[in-house]
Amino acid sequence: MDVMETIKDQIESNSIILYMKGSPNQPQCGFSARTVQSLMSCGERFAFVDILSNPEIRSNLPTYANWPTFPQLWVGGELVGGCDIVCEMFEKGELQTLIKETAAATAE
């Protein structure tokens, strides 16, 4: 499978997916750590891809997403954004609403 198809499949198959450096339990950069903390505080399960151990995804996702940096949070097939956007949404209470609604719709 082509790497662009793999990325598309990952995003379509997971209602909440985070492309990050490291894992939720061991983030490998501060931006990934802050994003994971906000996401985990929402209390819903999410998928993740460690871009450090997936160099093809790391090099191609910015083109796919038209977004140059990591981490990248995708919810319901749409790019939400990176660390600053996710953390700002969390502080405003918007992230919790988005994550809970997406998780509930997926569970139906």
C-alpha atoms as a PDB file:
ATOM      1  CA  MET A   1       0.000   0.000   0.000  1.00  0.00           C
ATOM      2  CA  ASP A   2       1.221   3.500  -0.895  1.00  0.00           C
ATOM      3  CA  VAL A   3       2.102   5.658   2.140  1.00  0.00           C
ATOM      4  CA  MET A   4      -0.540   8.253   1.199  1.00  0.00           C
ATOM      5  CA  GLU A   5      -3.148   5.475   1.102  1.00  0.00           C
ATOM      6  CA  THR A   6      -1.914   4.255   4.493  1.00  0.00           C
ATOM      7  CA  ILE A   7      -2.343   7.736   5.984  1.00  0.00           C
ATOM      8  CA  LYS A   8      -5.814   8.083   4.435  1.00  0.00           C
ATOM      9  CA  ASP A   9      -6.783   4.655   5.798  1.00  0.00           C
ATOM     10  CA  GLN A  10      -5.502   5.486   9.302  1.00  0.00           C
ATOM     11  CA  ILE A  11      -7.479   8.733   9.394  1.00  0.00           C
ATOM     12  CA  GLU A  12     -10.645   7.114   8.034  1.00  0.00           C
ATOM     13  CA  SER A  13     -10.384   4.061  10.323  1.00  0.00           C
ATOM     14  CA  ASN A  14      -9.835   6.016  13.554  1.00  0.00           C
ATOM     15  CA  SER A  15     -12.295   8.711  14.578  1.00  0.00           C
ATOM     16  CA  ILE A  16      -9.647  10.274  16.848  1.00  0.00           C
ATOM     17  CA  ILE A  17      -6.004   9.884  15.840  1.00  0.00           C
ATOM     18  CA  LEU A  18      -2.898  11.749  16.916  1.00  0.00           C
ATOM     19  CA  TYR A  19       0.290  11.788  14.872  1.00  0.00           C
ATOM     20  CA  MET A  20       3.015  12.502  17.401  1.00  0.00           C
ATOM     21  CA  LYS A  21       6.636  12.036  18.384  1.00  0.00           C
ATOM     22  CA  GLY A  22       6.742   9.047  20.720  1.00  0.00           C
ATOM     23  CA  SER A  23       3.730   7.485  22.433  1.00  0.00           C
ATOM     24  CA  PRO A  24       1.101   8.867  24.821  1.00  0.00           C
ATOM     25  CA  ASN A  25       2.947   7.254  27.742  1.00  0.00           C
ATOM     26  CA  GLN A  26       6.368   8.408  26.511  1.00  0.00           C
ATOM     27  CA  PRO A  27       6.111  11.523  24.355  1.00  0.00           C
ATOM     28  CA  GLN A  28       9.424  12.449  22.723  1.00  0.00           C
ATOM     29  CA  CYS A  29       8.922  16.209  22.548  1.00  0.00           C
ATOM     30  CA  GLY A  30       7.257  18.911  24.600  1.00  0.00           C
ATOM     31  CA  PHE A  31       4.648  19.734  21.963  1.00  0.00           C
ATOM     32  CA  SER A  32       3.543  16.097  21.756  1.00  0.00           C
ATOM     33  CA  ALA A  33       3.493  15.898  25.575  1.00  0.00           C
ATOM     34  CA  ARG A  34       1.248  18.969  25.907  1.00  0.00           C
ATOM     35  CA  THR A  35      -1.089  17.766  23.160  1.00  0.00           C
ATOM     36  CA  VAL A  36      -1.394  14.282  24.700  1.00  0.00           C
ATOM     37  CA  GLN A  37      -2.089  15.772  28.125  1.00  0.00           C
ATOM     38  CA  SER A  38      -4.980  17.833  26.726  1.00  0.00           C
ATOM     39  CA  LEU A  39      -6.328  14.898  24.732  1.00  0.00           C
ATOM     40  CA  MET A  40      -6.070  12.415  27.611  1.00  0.00           C
ATOM     41  CA  SER A  41      -7.874  14.868  29.897  1.00  0.00           C
ATOM     42  CA  CYS A  42     -10.927  14.478  27.643  1.00  0.00           C
ATOM     43  CA  GLY A  43     -11.242  10.894  28.891  1.00  0.00           C
ATOM     44  CA  GLU A  44     -11.822   9.137  25.562  1.00  0.00           C
ATOM     45  CA  ARG A  45      -9.750   6.538  23.748  1.00  0.00           C
ATOM     46  CA  PHE A  46      -7.740   7.635  20.743  1.00  0.00           C
ATOM     47  CA  ALA A  47      -5.330   6.101  18.272  1.00  0.00           C
ATOM     48  CA  PHE A  48      -1.815   7.382  17.753  1.00  0.00           C
ATOM     49  CA  VAL A  49       1.031   6.971  15.310  1.00  0.00           C
ATOM     50  CA  ASP A  50       4.625   7.484  16.415  1.00  0.00           C
ATOM     51  CA  ILE A  51       6.130   9.382  13.503  1.00  0.00           C
ATOM     52  CA  LEU A  52       9.654   8.764  14.805  1.00  0.00           C
ATOM     53  CA  SER A  53       9.278   5.034  14.177  1.00  0.00           C
ATOM     54  CA  ASN A  54       7.367   5.648  10.912  1.00  0.00           C
ATOM     55  CA  PRO A  55       9.679   7.861   8.814  1.00  0.00           C
ATOM     56  CA  GLU A  56       7.590   7.495   5.638  1.00  0.00           C
ATOM     57  CA  ILE A  57       4.524   8.827   7.429  1.00  0.00           C
ATOM     58  CA  ARG A  58       6.624  11.566   9.033  1.00  0.00           C
ATOM     59  CA  SER A  59       7.873  12.749   5.655  1.00  0.00           C
ATOM     60  CA  ASN A  60       4.533  12.458   3.786  1.00  0.00           C
ATOM     61  CA  LEU A  61       1.884  13.534   6.312  1.00  0.00           C
ATOM     62  CA  PRO A  62       2.720  17.257   6.029  1.00  0.00           C
ATOM     63  CA  THR A  63       1.976  17.039   2.293  1.00  0.00           C
ATOM     64  CA  TYR A  64      -1.205  15.011   2.848  1.00  0.00           C
ATOM     65  CA  ALA A  65      -2.446  17.376   5.543  1.00  0.00           C
ATOM     66  CA  ASN A  66      -1.067  20.604   4.084  1.00  0.00           C
ATOM     67  CA  TRP A  67       0.184  21.180   7.647  1.00  0.00           C
ATOM     68  CA  PRO A  68       3.958  21.306   8.206  1.00  0.00           C
ATOM     69  CA  THR A  69       4.395  20.440  11.884  1.00  0.00           C
ATOM     70  CA  PHE A  70       3.779  17.714  14.451  1.00  0.00           C
ATOM     71  CA  PRO A  71       1.858  16.714  16.427  1.00  0.00           C
ATOM     72  CA  GLN A  72      -1.290  16.593  14.302  1.00  0.00           C
ATOM     73  CA  LEU A  73      -4.688  15.754  15.776  1.00  0.00           C
ATOM     74  CA  TRP A  74      -7.341  14.410  13.423  1.00  0.00           C
ATOM     75  CA  VAL A  75     -10.949  14.056  14.597  1.00  0.00           C
ATOM     76  CA  GLY A  76     -13.739  12.675  12.443  1.00  0.00           C
ATOM     77  CA  GLY A  77     -11.484  12.647   9.403  1.00  0.00           C
ATOM     78  CA  GLU A  78     -10.642  16.351   9.737  1.00  0.00           C
ATOM     79  CA  LEU A  79      -7.374  17.938  10.809  1.00  0.00           C
ATOM     80  CA  VAL A  80      -7.945  19.841  14.045  1.00  0.00           C
ATOM     81  CA  GLY A  81      -4.403  21.183  14.243  1.00  0.00           C
ATOM     82  CA  GLY A  82      -1.225  21.045  16.252  1.00  0.00           C
ATOM     83  CA  CYS A  83      -0.200  21.677  19.826  1.00  0.00           C
ATOM     84  CA  ASP A  84      -1.174  25.347  20.142  1.00  0.00           C
ATOM     85  CA  ILE A  85      -4.623  24.858  18.598  1.00  0.00           C
ATOM     86  CA  VAL A  86      -5.372  21.703  20.616  1.00  0.00           C
ATOM     87  CA  CYS A  87      -4.250  23.284  23.902  1.00  0.00           C
ATOM     88  CA  GLU A  88      -6.220  26.474  23.208  1.00  0.00           C
ATOM     89  CA  MET A  89      -9.333  24.439  22.381  1.00  0.00           C
ATOM     90  CA  PHE A  90      -8.856  22.460  25.601  1.00  0.00           C
ATOM     91  CA  GLU A  91      -8.578  25.646  27.697  1.00  0.00           C
ATOM     92  CA  LYS A  92     -11.821  26.958  26.149  1.00  0.00           C
ATOM     93  CA  GLY A  93     -13.634  23.627  26.683  1.00  0.00           C
ATOM     94  CA  GLU A  94     -14.058  23.133  22.929  1.00  0.00           C
ATOM     95  CA  LEU A  95     -11.779  20.090  22.686  1.00  0.00           C
ATOM     96  CA  GLN A  96     -13.701  18.162  25.334  1.00  0.00           C
ATOM     97  CA  THR A  97     -16.973  18.761  23.469  1.00  0.00           C
ATOM     98  CA  LEU A  98     -15.496  17.745  20.107  1.00  0.00           C
ATOM     99  CA  ILE A  99     -13.857  14.598  21.498  1.00  0.00           C
ATOM    100  CA  LYS A 100     -16.914  13.489  23.513  1.00  0.00           C
ATOM    101  CA  GLU A 101     -19.292  14.059  20.568  1.00  0.00           C
ATOM    102  CA  THR A 102     -16.997  12.190  18.167  1.00  0.00           C
ATOM    103  CA  ALA A 103     -16.526   9.285  20.582  1.00  0.00           C
ATOM    104  CA  ALA A 104     -20.288   9.057  21.186  1.00  0.00           C
ATOM    105  CA  ALA A 105     -21.061   9.102  17.444  1.00  0.00           C
ATOM    106  CA  THR A 106     -18.477   6.371  16.867  1.00  0.00           C
ATOM    107  CA  ALA A 107     -19.946   4.184  19.611  1.00  0.00           C
ATOM    108  CA  GLU A 108     -23.409   4.190  18.005  1.00  0.00           C
END
